[in-house]
């Protein structure tokens, strides 16, 4: 079998140059690079990544730990992170863990492979406190979820900006009385969203009533039951419903359709998460999308900083979400300078606001 020494001798360069060319660390395309590749091909030589990793401080591998890969955040982060990692000349290793115990096993396995950094999306509503114990082994960035660590960087969505964006959008589309179907009350995200909802209602000349804000599971069934209660009860009705997730919003739309309540003419409905069902329901659902490309780039930047020893305190970076405007909120404000009505598809086709 040919060795790196044989390739170096045929190409008339050093072994270090052969290693840099074949590993991609030397990006300049010149006669030296061509000689090295020609020699490697003639000698049928292929670099051994595992052996190279043992001799190097880096493995050019980034780990991603996700919960259910079918969830919108997990699938979009995977889709956003993979090309960013590849563009940096690295490989993305993916582990799936739908609870904290399994995720800890995946983190241990990734670190045993000496990855250059880890991106972890914890299961919804769970605090990945175990990450603190691994923070000294490699740079770790938590994406979304509860942020309680002083050793692990965090990247996610600005919840306060999310609610402000939703309320402004509804106000601009004739809504005046708002119902809010929140997630579980013990969630940090739900608490921040509810606080922002309450404090911004009066600032935007909007109102709500007791019983119009509820907390509970983020399911289609809950959305259906809550909407049935709200729109069959005597008295005032909301003219807009903010839902914690697209699943809840889909349940609301099903109930309103059964009750003969027109969306968006009588009620505007908005969800969050940009799940696939958002374009399967009628009318198509206005929703919030996490800026996953920006989050992926920031996570990689923080990992690079951690490996370079450029900072000692973990970062906490929150990005505003992207509003995906669809037909469930399409009625424009009377007298508005923009009276166009969004099509039945996505009105905002940009990628993460870039």
C-alpha atoms as a PDB file:
ATOM      1  CA  UNK A   1       0.000   0.000   0.000  1.00  0.00           C
ATOM      2  CA  UNK A   2       1.195   3.476  -0.870  1.00  0.00           C
ATOM      3  CA  UNK A   3       1.904   5.903   1.944  1.00  0.00           C
ATOM      4  CA  UNK A   4       1.886   9.646   2.297  1.00  0.00           C
ATOM      5  CA  UNK A   5       5.687   9.483   2.000  1.00  0.00           C
ATOM      6  CA  UNK A   6       5.360   7.907  -1.468  1.00  0.00           C
ATOM      7  CA  UNK A   7       2.932  10.623  -2.568  1.00  0.00           C
ATOM      8  CA  UNK A   8       5.232  13.355  -1.228  1.00  0.00           C
ATOM      9  CA  UNK A   9       8.231  11.873  -3.083  1.00  0.00           C
ATOM     10  CA  UNK A  10       6.372  11.593  -6.410  1.00  0.00           C
ATOM     11  CA  UNK A  11       4.920  15.107  -6.114  1.00  0.00           C
ATOM     12  CA  UNK A  12       8.252  16.498  -4.899  1.00  0.00           C
ATOM     13  CA  UNK A  13       6.684  18.204  -1.875  1.00  0.00           C
ATOM     14  CA  UNK A  14       6.709  17.653   1.878  1.00  0.00           C
ATOM     15  CA  UNK A  15       4.375  15.257   3.681  1.00  0.00           C
ATOM     16  CA  UNK A  16       2.787  18.245   5.432  1.00  0.00           C
ATOM     17  CA  UNK A  17       1.904  19.759   2.052  1.00  0.00           C
ATOM     18  CA  UNK A  18       0.332  16.469   0.929  1.00  0.00           C
ATOM     19  CA  UNK A  19      -1.715  16.366   4.112  1.00  0.00           C
ATOM     20  CA  UNK A  20      -2.933  19.954   3.710  1.00  0.00           C
ATOM     21  CA  UNK A  21      -3.868  19.507   0.047  1.00  0.00           C
ATOM     22  CA  UNK A  22      -5.756  16.235   0.485  1.00  0.00           C
ATOM     23  CA  UNK A  23      -7.531  17.382   3.666  1.00  0.00           C
ATOM     24  CA  UNK A  24      -8.719  20.604   2.031  1.00  0.00           C
ATOM     25  CA  UNK A  25      -6.790  22.845   4.436  1.00  0.00           C
ATOM     26  CA  UNK A  26      -4.728  24.154   1.498  1.00  0.00           C
ATOM     27  CA  UNK A  27      -7.314  25.709  -0.823  1.00  0.00           C
ATOM     28  CA  UNK A  28      -4.982  27.319  -3.367  1.00  0.00           C
ATOM     29  CA  UNK A  29      -5.260  25.661  -6.785  1.00  0.00           C
ATOM     30  CA  UNK A  30      -1.802  25.695  -8.357  1.00  0.00           C
ATOM     31  CA  UNK A  31       0.819  23.356  -9.775  1.00  0.00           C
ATOM     32  CA  UNK A  32       1.658  22.012  -6.306  1.00  0.00           C
ATOM     33  CA  UNK A  33      -1.955  21.018  -5.626  1.00  0.00           C
ATOM     34  CA  UNK A  34      -2.246  19.380  -9.057  1.00  0.00           C
ATOM     35  CA  UNK A  35       0.994  17.410  -8.562  1.00  0.00           C
ATOM     36  CA  UNK A  36      -0.164  16.150  -5.175  1.00  0.00           C
ATOM     37  CA  UNK A  37      -3.564  15.030  -6.476  1.00  0.00           C
ATOM     38  CA  UNK A  38      -2.042  13.409  -9.577  1.00  0.00           C
ATOM     39  CA  UNK A  39       0.461  11.519  -7.446  1.00  0.00           C
ATOM     40  CA  UNK A  40      -2.223  10.377  -4.997  1.00  0.00           C
ATOM     41  CA  UNK A  41      -4.373   9.147  -7.879  1.00  0.00           C
ATOM     42  CA  UNK A  42      -1.525   7.286  -9.592  1.00  0.00           C
ATOM     43  CA  UNK A  43      -0.513   5.639  -6.323  1.00  0.00           C
ATOM     44  CA  UNK A  44      -4.147   4.958  -5.335  1.00  0.00           C
ATOM     45  CA  UNK A  45      -3.562   6.744  -2.047  1.00  0.00           C
ATOM     46  CA  UNK A  46      -6.455   7.976   0.121  1.00  0.00           C
ATOM     47  CA  UNK A  47      -6.011   9.899   3.369  1.00  0.00           C
ATOM     48  CA  UNK A  48      -7.257   8.192   6.523  1.00  0.00           C
ATOM     49  CA  UNK A  49      -9.533  10.703   8.330  1.00  0.00           C
ATOM     50  CA  UNK A  50      -9.454   8.767  11.591  1.00  0.00           C
ATOM     51  CA  UNK A  51      -5.675   8.659  11.647  1.00  0.00           C
ATOM     52  CA  UNK A  52      -5.489  12.333  10.719  1.00  0.00           C
ATOM     53  CA  UNK A  53      -7.831  13.191  13.580  1.00  0.00           C
ATOM     54  CA  UNK A  54      -5.556  11.444  16.056  1.00  0.00           C
ATOM     55  CA  UNK A  55      -2.651  13.635  14.930  1.00  0.00           C
ATOM     56  CA  UNK A  56      -4.639  16.879  14.874  1.00  0.00           C
ATOM     57  CA  UNK A  57      -6.343  19.168  17.341  1.00  0.00           C
ATOM     58  CA  UNK A  58      -9.425  19.231  15.102  1.00  0.00           C
ATOM     59  CA  UNK A  59     -11.544  16.561  13.408  1.00  0.00           C
ATOM     60  CA  UNK A  60     -13.436  18.882  11.050  1.00  0.00           C
ATOM     61  CA  UNK A  61     -16.676  17.382  12.365  1.00  0.00           C
ATOM     62  CA  UNK A  62     -19.610  19.172  13.997  1.00  0.00           C
ATOM     63  CA  UNK A  63     -22.231  17.275  15.981  1.00  0.00           C
ATOM     64  CA  UNK A  64     -25.962  18.056  15.905  1.00  0.00           C
ATOM     65  CA  UNK A  65     -28.267  16.506  18.522  1.00  0.00           C
ATOM     66  CA  UNK A  66     -31.986  16.880  17.812  1.00  0.00           C
ATOM     67  CA  UNK A  67     -35.251  15.546  19.261  1.00  0.00           C
ATOM     68  CA  UNK A  68     -37.919  14.268  16.847  1.00  0.00           C
ATOM     69  CA  UNK A  69     -36.496  15.105  13.376  1.00  0.00           C
ATOM     70  CA  UNK A  70     -40.040  15.604  12.062  1.00  0.00           C
ATOM     71  CA  UNK A  71     -40.584  18.741  14.158  1.00  0.00           C
ATOM     72  CA  UNK A  72     -40.289  21.979  12.145  1.00  0.00           C
ATOM     73  CA  UNK A  73     -37.399  23.412  14.182  1.00  0.00           C
ATOM     74  CA  UNK A  74     -35.320  20.213  14.080  1.00  0.00           C
ATOM     75  CA  UNK A  75     -35.848  19.610  10.365  1.00  0.00           C
ATOM     76  CA  UNK A  76     -35.136  23.220   9.420  1.00  0.00           C
ATOM     77  CA  UNK A  77     -32.029  23.470  11.605  1.00  0.00           C
ATOM     78  CA  UNK A  78     -30.707  20.289  10.008  1.00  0.00           C
ATOM     79  CA  UNK A  79     -31.415  21.677   6.540  1.00  0.00           C
ATOM     80  CA  UNK A  80     -29.782  25.018   7.419  1.00  0.00           C
ATOM     81  CA  UNK A  81     -26.765  23.678   9.314  1.00  0.00           C
ATOM     82  CA  UNK A  82     -25.658  20.994   6.849  1.00  0.00           C
ATOM     83  CA  UNK A  83     -24.717  23.322   3.953  1.00  0.00           C
ATOM     84  CA  UNK A  84     -23.080  25.778   6.360  1.00  0.00           C
ATOM     85  CA  UNK A  85     -20.931  23.007   7.829  1.00  0.00           C
ATOM     86  CA  UNK A  86     -20.086  21.629   4.385  1.00  0.00           C
ATOM     87  CA  UNK A  87     -19.194  25.113   3.180  1.00  0.00           C
ATOM     88  CA  UNK A  88     -16.722  25.369   6.045  1.00  0.00           C
ATOM     89  CA  UNK A  89     -15.011  22.172   4.897  1.00  0.00           C
ATOM     90  CA  UNK A  90     -16.393  20.095   7.756  1.00  0.00           C
ATOM     91  CA  UNK A  91     -18.769  17.154   8.213  1.00  0.00           C
ATOM     92  CA  UNK A  92     -22.056  17.172  10.129  1.00  0.00           C
ATOM     93  CA  UNK A  93     -22.748  14.221  12.426  1.00  0.00           C
ATOM     94  CA  UNK A  94     -26.380  13.874  13.525  1.00  0.00           C
ATOM     95  CA  UNK A  95     -27.768  12.172  16.622  1.00  0.00           C
ATOM     96  CA  UNK A  96     -31.438  11.828  17.568  1.00  0.00           C
ATOM     97  CA  UNK A  97     -32.670  11.780  21.154  1.00  0.00           C
ATOM     98  CA  UNK A  98     -36.280  12.379  22.112  1.00  0.00           C
ATOM     99  CA  UNK A  99     -35.563  12.678  25.848  1.00  0.00           C
ATOM    100  CA  UNK A 100     -32.713  14.091  27.925  1.00  0.00           C
ATOM    101  CA  UNK A 101     -31.307  10.675  28.878  1.00  0.00           C
ATOM    102  CA  UNK A 102     -30.913   9.633  25.254  1.00  0.00           C
ATOM    103  CA  UNK A 103     -29.575  13.056  24.319  1.00  0.00           C
ATOM    104  CA  UNK A 104     -26.878  12.763  26.990  1.00  0.00           C
ATOM    105  CA  UNK A 105     -25.844   9.412  25.498  1.00  0.00           C
ATOM    106  CA  UNK A 106     -25.630  11.021  22.055  1.00  0.00           C
ATOM    107  CA  UNK A 107     -23.560  13.932  23.406  1.00  0.00           C
ATOM    108  CA  UNK A 108     -21.123  11.506  25.075  1.00  0.00           C
ATOM    109  CA  UNK A 109     -20.791   9.513  21.855  1.00  0.00           C
ATOM    110  CA  UNK A 110     -20.151  12.653  19.794  1.00  0.00           C
ATOM    111  CA  UNK A 111     -17.509  13.938  22.183  1.00  0.00           C
ATOM    112  CA  UNK A 112     -15.839  10.529  22.198  1.00  0.00           C
ATOM    113  CA  UNK A 113     -15.385  11.027  18.459  1.00  0.00           C
ATOM    114  CA  UNK A 114     -13.683  14.336  19.266  1.00  0.00           C
ATOM    115  CA  UNK A 115     -16.039  16.584  17.307  1.00  0.00           C
ATOM    116  CA  UNK A 116     -14.971  20.212  17.055  1.00  0.00           C
ATOM    117  CA  UNK A 117     -18.262  21.393  18.545  1.00  0.00           C
ATOM    118  CA  UNK A 118     -21.852  20.454  19.331  1.00  0.00           C
ATOM    119  CA  UNK A 119     -25.216  22.000  18.492  1.00  0.00           C
ATOM    120  CA  UNK A 120     -28.008  20.670  20.715  1.00  0.00           C
ATOM    121  CA  UNK A 121     -31.770  21.182  20.349  1.00  0.00           C
ATOM    122  CA  UNK A 122     -33.310  19.907  23.608  1.00  0.00           C
ATOM    123  CA  UNK A 123     -36.751  18.265  23.735  1.00  0.00           C
ATOM    124  CA  UNK A 124     -39.497  20.860  24.079  1.00  0.00           C
ATOM    125  CA  UNK A 125     -40.061  22.028  27.645  1.00  0.00           C
ATOM    126  CA  UNK A 126     -36.970  20.262  29.039  1.00  0.00           C
ATOM    127  CA  UNK A 127     -33.922  21.906  30.601  1.00  0.00           C
ATOM    128  CA  UNK A 128     -30.712  20.198  29.370  1.00  0.00           C
ATOM    129  CA  UNK A 129     -28.768  20.830  32.575  1.00  0.00           C
ATOM    130  CA  UNK A 130     -26.483  17.889  31.788  1.00  0.00           C
ATOM    131  CA  UNK A 131     -24.747  19.988  29.101  1.00  0.00           C
ATOM    132  CA  UNK A 132     -22.853  21.910  31.801  1.00  0.00           C
ATOM    133  CA  UNK A 133     -20.878  18.774  32.601  1.00  0.00           C
ATOM    134  CA  UNK A 134     -19.544  18.585  29.029  1.00  0.00           C
ATOM    135  CA  UNK A 135     -18.911  22.281  28.415  1.00  0.00           C
ATOM    136  CA  UNK A 136     -15.158  21.960  28.969  1.00  0.00           C
ATOM    137  CA  UNK A 137     -14.764  19.122  26.452  1.00  0.00           C
ATOM    138  CA  UNK A 138     -15.811  21.069  23.328  1.00  0.00           C
ATOM    139  CA  UNK A 139     -17.752  24.228  22.460  1.00  0.00           C
ATOM    140  CA  UNK A 140     -21.484  23.549  22.876  1.00  0.00           C
ATOM    141  CA  UNK A 141     -24.334  25.692  21.570  1.00  0.00           C
ATOM    142  CA  UNK A 142     -27.893  25.065  22.705  1.00  0.00           C
ATOM    143  CA  UNK A 143     -30.554  26.028  20.170  1.00  0.00           C
ATOM    144  CA  UNK A 144     -33.926  27.125  21.541  1.00  0.00           C
ATOM    145  CA  UNK A 145     -35.469  25.878  24.775  1.00  0.00           C
ATOM    146  CA  UNK A 146     -34.818  27.021  28.329  1.00  0.00           C
ATOM    147  CA  UNK A 147     -31.552  28.897  28.816  1.00  0.00           C
ATOM    148  CA  UNK A 148     -30.183  28.424  32.345  1.00  0.00           C
ATOM    149  CA  UNK A 149     -26.517  27.547  31.825  1.00  0.00           C
ATOM    150  CA  UNK A 150     -23.546  29.806  32.512  1.00  0.00           C
ATOM    151  CA  UNK A 151     -21.208  27.502  30.561  1.00  0.00           C
ATOM    152  CA  UNK A 152     -23.147  26.738  27.354  1.00  0.00           C
ATOM    153  CA  UNK A 153     -23.936  29.304  24.654  1.00  0.00           C
ATOM    154  CA  UNK A 154     -27.554  29.718  23.568  1.00  0.00           C
ATOM    155  CA  UNK A 155     -29.060  30.687  20.210  1.00  0.00           C
ATOM    156  CA  UNK A 156     -32.794  30.997  19.665  1.00  0.00           C
ATOM    157  CA  UNK A 157     -35.822  33.117  18.869  1.00  0.00           C
ATOM    158  CA  UNK A 158     -36.640  36.414  20.582  1.00  0.00           C
ATOM    159  CA  UNK A 159     -40.018  35.543  22.142  1.00  0.00           C
ATOM    160  CA  UNK A 160     -40.874  39.145  23.002  1.00  0.00           C
ATOM    161  CA  UNK A 161     -40.205  40.220  19.419  1.00  0.00           C
ATOM    162  CA  UNK A 162     -42.348  37.300  18.222  1.00  0.00           C
ATOM    163  CA  UNK A 163     -45.428  38.451  20.129  1.00  0.00           C
ATOM    164  CA  UNK A 164     -44.912  42.095  19.166  1.00  0.00           C
ATOM    165  CA  UNK A 165     -44.665  41.086  15.510  1.00  0.00           C
ATOM    166  CA  UNK A 166     -47.878  39.047  15.734  1.00  0.00           C
ATOM    167  CA  UNK A 167     -49.836  41.809  17.476  1.00  0.00           C
ATOM    168  CA  UNK A 168     -48.678  44.458  15.003  1.00  0.00           C
ATOM    169  CA  UNK A 169     -49.640  42.212  12.100  1.00  0.00           C
ATOM    170  CA  UNK A 170     -53.123  41.601  13.513  1.00  0.00           C
ATOM    171  CA  UNK A 171     -53.642  45.288  14.264  1.00  0.00           C
ATOM    172  CA  UNK A 172     -52.671  46.100  10.687  1.00  0.00           C
ATOM    173  CA  UNK A 173     -55.333  43.651   9.520  1.00  0.00           C
ATOM    174  CA  UNK A 174     -58.321  45.130  11.350  1.00  0.00           C
ATOM    175  CA  UNK A 175     -58.171  43.017  14.526  1.00  0.00           C
ATOM    176  CA  UNK A 176     -59.151  44.759  17.763  1.00  0.00           C
ATOM    177  CA  UNK A 177     -60.064  41.974  20.237  1.00  0.00           C
ATOM    178  CA  UNK A 178     -57.575  39.161  20.666  1.00  0.00           C
ATOM    179  CA  UNK A 179     -57.754  35.653  22.125  1.00  0.00           C
ATOM    180  CA  UNK A 180     -54.514  33.872  22.993  1.00  0.00           C
ATOM    181  CA  UNK A 181     -54.160  30.091  23.225  1.00  0.00           C
ATOM    182  CA  UNK A 182     -50.791  29.724  24.937  1.00  0.00           C
ATOM    183  CA  UNK A 183     -48.616  26.701  25.567  1.00  0.00           C
ATOM    184  CA  UNK A 184     -48.166  25.151  29.000  1.00  0.00           C
ATOM    185  CA  UNK A 185     -47.998  27.746  31.765  1.00  0.00           C
ATOM    186  CA  UNK A 186     -44.794  26.286  33.291  1.00  0.00           C
ATOM    187  CA  UNK A 187     -42.778  26.898  30.104  1.00  0.00           C
ATOM    188  CA  UNK A 188     -40.298  29.802  30.137  1.00  0.00           C
ATOM    189  CA  UNK A 189     -41.167  30.598  26.531  1.00  0.00           C
ATOM    190  CA  UNK A 190     -44.895  30.621  27.316  1.00  0.00           C
ATOM    191  CA  UNK A 191     -44.365  32.902  30.304  1.00  0.00           C
ATOM    192  CA  UNK A 192     -42.356  35.432  28.278  1.00  0.00           C
ATOM    193  CA  UNK A 193     -44.893  35.384  25.431  1.00  0.00           C
ATOM    194  CA  UNK A 194     -47.811  35.884  27.822  1.00  0.00           C
ATOM    195  CA  UNK A 195     -46.098  38.805  29.565  1.00  0.00           C
ATOM    196  CA  UNK A 196     -45.387  40.485  26.235  1.00  0.00           C
ATOM    197  CA  UNK A 197     -48.967  39.843  25.107  1.00  0.00           C
ATOM    198  CA  UNK A 198     -50.394  41.509  28.195  1.00  0.00           C
ATOM    199  CA  UNK A 199     -48.096  44.532  28.165  1.00  0.00           C
ATOM    200  CA  UNK A 200     -48.481  45.275  24.442  1.00  0.00           C
ATOM    201  CA  UNK A 201     -52.268  45.008  24.103  1.00  0.00           C
ATOM    202  CA  UNK A 202     -53.030  48.504  25.355  1.00  0.00           C
ATOM    203  CA  UNK A 203     -49.978  49.987  23.633  1.00  0.00           C
ATOM    204  CA  UNK A 204     -51.447  48.872  20.299  1.00  0.00           C
ATOM    205  CA  UNK A 205     -55.060  49.797  21.160  1.00  0.00           C
ATOM    206  CA  UNK A 206     -56.078  46.153  21.331  1.00  0.00           C
ATOM    207  CA  UNK A 207     -58.154  44.393  23.975  1.00  0.00           C
ATOM    208  CA  UNK A 208     -58.807  40.953  25.382  1.00  0.00           C
ATOM    209  CA  UNK A 209     -61.191  39.492  27.953  1.00  0.00           C
ATOM    210  CA  UNK A 210     -61.006  37.076  30.840  1.00  0.00           C
ATOM    211  CA  UNK A 211     -61.311  33.561  29.506  1.00  0.00           C
ATOM    212  CA  UNK A 212     -59.874  34.441  26.119  1.00  0.00           C
ATOM    213  CA  UNK A 213     -56.333  33.541  27.235  1.00  0.00           C
ATOM    214  CA  UNK A 214     -55.764  29.909  28.202  1.00  0.00           C
ATOM    215  CA  UNK A 215     -52.798  27.611  28.771  1.00  0.00           C
ATOM    216  CA  UNK A 216     -52.539  23.985  27.778  1.00  0.00           C
ATOM    217  CA  UNK A 217     -51.085  21.331  25.463  1.00  0.00           C
ATOM    218  CA  UNK A 218     -50.185  22.325  21.920  1.00  0.00           C
ATOM    219  CA  UNK A 219     -52.496  19.926  20.084  1.00  0.00           C
ATOM    220  CA  UNK A 220     -55.108  20.077  17.334  1.00  0.00           C
ATOM    221  CA  UNK A 221     -57.732  18.755  19.762  1.00  0.00           C
ATOM    222  CA  UNK A 222     -57.103  21.574  22.209  1.00  0.00           C
ATOM    223  CA  UNK A 223     -57.390  24.195  19.475  1.00  0.00           C
ATOM    224  CA  UNK A 224     -60.666  22.688  18.294  1.00  0.00           C
ATOM    225  CA  UNK A 225     -62.150  22.571  21.796  1.00  0.00           C
ATOM    226  CA  UNK A 226     -61.029  26.098  22.733  1.00  0.00           C
ATOM    227  CA  UNK A 227     -62.388  27.611  19.513  1.00  0.00           C
ATOM    228  CA  UNK A 228     -65.689  25.782  19.958  1.00  0.00           C
ATOM    229  CA  UNK A 229     -65.974  27.216  23.480  1.00  0.00           C
ATOM    230  CA  UNK A 230     -65.041  30.761  22.430  1.00  0.00           C
ATOM    231  CA  UNK A 231     -67.382  30.954  19.461  1.00  0.00           C
ATOM    232  CA  UNK A 232     -70.444  29.222  20.911  1.00  0.00           C
ATOM    233  CA  UNK A 233     -70.481  31.148  24.195  1.00  0.00           C
ATOM    234  CA  UNK A 234     -72.836  34.088  24.657  1.00  0.00           C
ATOM    235  CA  UNK A 235     -71.413  37.586  24.625  1.00  0.00           C
ATOM    236  CA  UNK A 236     -68.476  39.154  22.817  1.00  0.00           C
ATOM    237  CA  UNK A 237     -66.258  37.166  20.526  1.00  0.00           C
ATOM    238  CA  UNK A 238     -62.623  37.803  19.596  1.00  0.00           C
ATOM    239  CA  UNK A 239     -61.872  38.828  16.041  1.00  0.00           C
ATOM    240  CA  UNK A 240     -58.385  37.275  16.147  1.00  0.00           C
ATOM    241  CA  UNK A 241     -56.877  34.159  17.736  1.00  0.00           C
ATOM    242  CA  UNK A 242     -53.147  33.821  18.412  1.00  0.00           C
ATOM    243  CA  UNK A 243     -52.076  30.191  18.789  1.00  0.00           C
ATOM    244  CA  UNK A 244     -48.926  28.839  20.435  1.00  0.00           C
ATOM    245  CA  UNK A 245     -48.340  26.400  17.568  1.00  0.00           C
ATOM    246  CA  UNK A 246     -49.644  25.612  14.111  1.00  0.00           C
ATOM    247  CA  UNK A 247     -51.224  22.449  15.515  1.00  0.00           C
ATOM    248  CA  UNK A 248     -53.402  24.484  17.863  1.00  0.00           C
ATOM    249  CA  UNK A 249     -54.215  26.887  15.028  1.00  0.00           C
ATOM    250  CA  UNK A 250     -55.266  24.025  12.758  1.00  0.00           C
ATOM    251  CA  UNK A 251     -57.728  22.868  15.417  1.00  0.00           C
ATOM    252  CA  UNK A 252     -59.101  26.407  15.637  1.00  0.00           C
ATOM    253  CA  UNK A 253     -59.617  26.516  11.864  1.00  0.00           C
ATOM    254  CA  UNK A 254     -61.406  23.155  11.876  1.00  0.00           C
ATOM    255  CA  UNK A 255     -63.779  24.361  14.596  1.00  0.00           C
ATOM    256  CA  UNK A 256     -64.491  27.699  12.923  1.00  0.00           C
ATOM    257  CA  UNK A 257     -65.243  25.949   9.645  1.00  0.00           C
ATOM    258  CA  UNK A 258     -67.710  23.633  11.402  1.00  0.00           C
ATOM    259  CA  UNK A 259     -69.346  26.620  13.104  1.00  0.00           C
ATOM    260  CA  UNK A 260     -69.620  28.585   9.876  1.00  0.00           C
ATOM    261  CA  UNK A 261     -67.340  31.402  11.072  1.00  0.00           C
ATOM    262  CA  UNK A 262     -65.492  32.991   8.145  1.00  0.00           C
ATOM    263  CA  UNK A 263     -61.687  33.227   8.256  1.00  0.00           C
ATOM    264  CA  UNK A 264     -60.279  35.860   7.844  1.00  0.00           C
ATOM    265  CA  UNK A 265     -63.363  38.033   7.290  1.00  0.00           C
ATOM    266  CA  UNK A 266     -64.776  37.493  10.783  1.00  0.00           C
ATOM    267  CA  UNK A 267     -61.755  36.074  12.610  1.00  0.00           C
ATOM    268  CA  UNK A 268     -58.035  36.141  11.875  1.00  0.00           C
ATOM    269  CA  UNK A 269     -56.007  33.122  12.980  1.00  0.00           C
ATOM    270  CA  UNK A 270     -52.229  32.992  13.356  1.00  0.00           C
ATOM    271  CA  UNK A 271     -49.979  30.127  14.438  1.00  0.00           C
ATOM    272  CA  UNK A 272     -46.299  29.546  15.116  1.00  0.00           C
ATOM    273  CA  UNK A 273     -43.704  27.087  13.862  1.00  0.00           C
ATOM    274  CA  UNK A 274     -44.505  26.972  10.130  1.00  0.00           C
ATOM    275  CA  UNK A 275     -45.379  23.267  10.277  1.00  0.00           C
ATOM    276  CA  UNK A 276     -46.326  21.478   7.021  1.00  0.00           C
ATOM    277  CA  UNK A 277     -49.977  21.387   8.086  1.00  0.00           C
ATOM    278  CA  UNK A 278     -50.039  25.169   7.807  1.00  0.00           C
ATOM    279  CA  UNK A 279     -50.350  24.919   4.022  1.00  0.00           C
ATOM    280  CA  UNK A 280     -52.655  21.887   4.155  1.00  0.00           C
ATOM    281  CA  UNK A 281     -55.479  23.601   6.073  1.00  0.00           C
ATOM    282  CA  UNK A 282     -58.058  25.980   4.582  1.00  0.00           C
ATOM    283  CA  UNK A 283     -57.407  28.846   4.528  1.00  0.00           C
ATOM    284  CA  UNK A 284     -53.637  28.509   4.573  1.00  0.00           C
ATOM    285  CA  UNK A 285     -52.212  29.587   7.892  1.00  0.00           C
ATOM    286  CA  UNK A 286     -50.275  32.735   8.687  1.00  0.00           C
ATOM    287  CA  UNK A 287     -47.449  31.702  11.001  1.00  0.00           C
ATOM    288  CA  UNK A 288     -44.023  32.473  12.445  1.00  0.00           C
ATOM    289  CA  UNK A 289     -40.908  30.746  11.155  1.00  0.00           C
ATOM    290  CA  UNK A 290     -37.693  30.456  13.154  1.00  0.00           C
ATOM    291  CA  UNK A 291     -34.720  32.111  11.360  1.00  0.00           C
ATOM    292  CA  UNK A 292     -32.823  28.826  11.174  1.00  0.00           C
ATOM    293  CA  UNK A 293     -30.187  29.926   8.690  1.00  0.00           C
ATOM    294  CA  UNK A 294     -29.159  32.838  10.901  1.00  0.00           C
ATOM    295  CA  UNK A 295     -29.230  30.579  13.956  1.00  0.00           C
ATOM    296  CA  UNK A 296     -27.089  27.951  12.206  1.00  0.00           C
ATOM    297  CA  UNK A 297     -24.486  30.518  11.167  1.00  0.00           C
ATOM    298  CA  UNK A 298     -24.350  32.007  14.647  1.00  0.00           C
ATOM    299  CA  UNK A 299     -23.985  28.559  16.242  1.00  0.00           C
ATOM    300  CA  UNK A 300     -21.010  27.779  13.988  1.00  0.00           C
ATOM    301  CA  UNK A 301     -19.479  31.189  14.701  1.00  0.00           C
ATOM    302  CA  UNK A 302     -19.702  30.571  18.438  1.00  0.00           C
ATOM    303  CA  UNK A 303     -18.148  27.121  18.029  1.00  0.00           C
ATOM    304  CA  UNK A 304     -15.259  28.625  16.043  1.00  0.00           C
ATOM    305  CA  UNK A 305     -14.789  31.276  18.722  1.00  0.00           C
ATOM    306  CA  UNK A 306     -14.780  28.612  21.420  1.00  0.00           C
ATOM    307  CA  UNK A 307     -12.136  26.594  19.609  1.00  0.00           C
ATOM    308  CA  UNK A 308     -10.072  29.726  19.085  1.00  0.00           C
ATOM    309  CA  UNK A 309     -10.268  30.736  22.729  1.00  0.00           C
ATOM    310  CA  UNK A 310     -11.666  34.156  21.764  1.00  0.00           C
ATOM    311  CA  UNK A 311     -14.082  34.461  24.678  1.00  0.00           C
ATOM    312  CA  UNK A 312     -14.661  32.963  28.080  1.00  0.00           C
ATOM    313  CA  UNK A 313     -18.306  33.750  28.756  1.00  0.00           C
ATOM    314  CA  UNK A 314     -21.083  31.909  26.902  1.00  0.00           C
ATOM    315  CA  UNK A 315     -23.181  33.937  24.488  1.00  0.00           C
ATOM    316  CA  UNK A 316     -26.953  34.413  24.473  1.00  0.00           C
ATOM    317  CA  UNK A 317     -28.175  35.412  21.009  1.00  0.00           C
ATOM    318  CA  UNK A 318     -31.873  35.822  20.146  1.00  0.00           C
ATOM    319  CA  UNK A 319     -33.134  36.514  16.618  1.00  0.00           C
ATOM    320  CA  UNK A 320     -36.589  37.823  15.677  1.00  0.00           C
ATOM    321  CA  UNK A 321     -38.703  35.310  13.739  1.00  0.00           C
ATOM    322  CA  UNK A 322     -39.916  35.617  10.166  1.00  0.00           C
ATOM    323  CA  UNK A 323     -43.616  36.267   9.619  1.00  0.00           C
ATOM    324  CA  UNK A 324     -45.090  34.042   6.906  1.00  0.00           C
ATOM    325  CA  UNK A 325     -48.243  35.826   5.739  1.00  0.00           C
ATOM    326  CA  UNK A 326     -50.973  33.632   4.309  1.00  0.00           C
ATOM    327  CA  UNK A 327     -54.723  33.769   3.792  1.00  0.00           C
ATOM    328  CA  UNK A 328     -55.836  33.242   7.421  1.00  0.00           C
ATOM    329  CA  UNK A 329     -55.075  36.932   8.204  1.00  0.00           C
ATOM    330  CA  UNK A 330     -55.268  38.472   4.766  1.00  0.00           C
ATOM    331  CA  UNK A 331     -57.869  41.237   5.216  1.00  0.00           C
ATOM    332  CA  UNK A 332     -56.027  44.610   4.976  1.00  0.00           C
ATOM    333  CA  UNK A 333     -56.593  47.570   7.285  1.00  0.00           C
ATOM    334  CA  UNK A 334     -59.136  50.040   5.932  1.00  0.00           C
ATOM    335  CA  UNK A 335     -57.336  53.140   4.747  1.00  0.00           C
ATOM    336  CA  UNK A 336     -53.977  51.395   4.679  1.00  0.00           C
ATOM    337  CA  UNK A 337     -51.555  52.385   1.952  1.00  0.00           C
ATOM    338  CA  UNK A 338     -50.991  48.689   1.264  1.00  0.00           C
ATOM    339  CA  UNK A 339     -54.331  47.222   0.349  1.00  0.00           C
ATOM    340  CA  UNK A 340     -52.944  44.151  -1.407  1.00  0.00           C
ATOM    341  CA  UNK A 341     -54.238  40.817  -0.183  1.00  0.00           C
ATOM    342  CA  UNK A 342     -51.700  37.979   0.111  1.00  0.00           C
ATOM    343  CA  UNK A 343     -52.133  35.079  -2.260  1.00  0.00           C
ATOM    344  CA  UNK A 344     -53.173  31.662  -1.040  1.00  0.00           C
ATOM    345  CA  UNK A 345     -49.522  30.723  -0.819  1.00  0.00           C
ATOM    346  CA  UNK A 346     -46.643  32.312   1.099  1.00  0.00           C
ATOM    347  CA  UNK A 347     -46.645  36.101   0.887  1.00  0.00           C
ATOM    348  CA  UNK A 348     -43.106  36.268   2.256  1.00  0.00           C
ATOM    349  CA  UNK A 349     -40.929  33.883   0.316  1.00  0.00           C
ATOM    350  CA  UNK A 350     -37.615  35.215   1.606  1.00  0.00           C
ATOM    351  CA  UNK A 351     -35.277  32.938   3.534  1.00  0.00           C
ATOM    352  CA  UNK A 352     -34.909  33.974   7.163  1.00  0.00           C
ATOM    353  CA  UNK A 353     -35.303  37.635   6.309  1.00  0.00           C
ATOM    354  CA  UNK A 354     -32.057  37.758   4.351  1.00  0.00           C
END
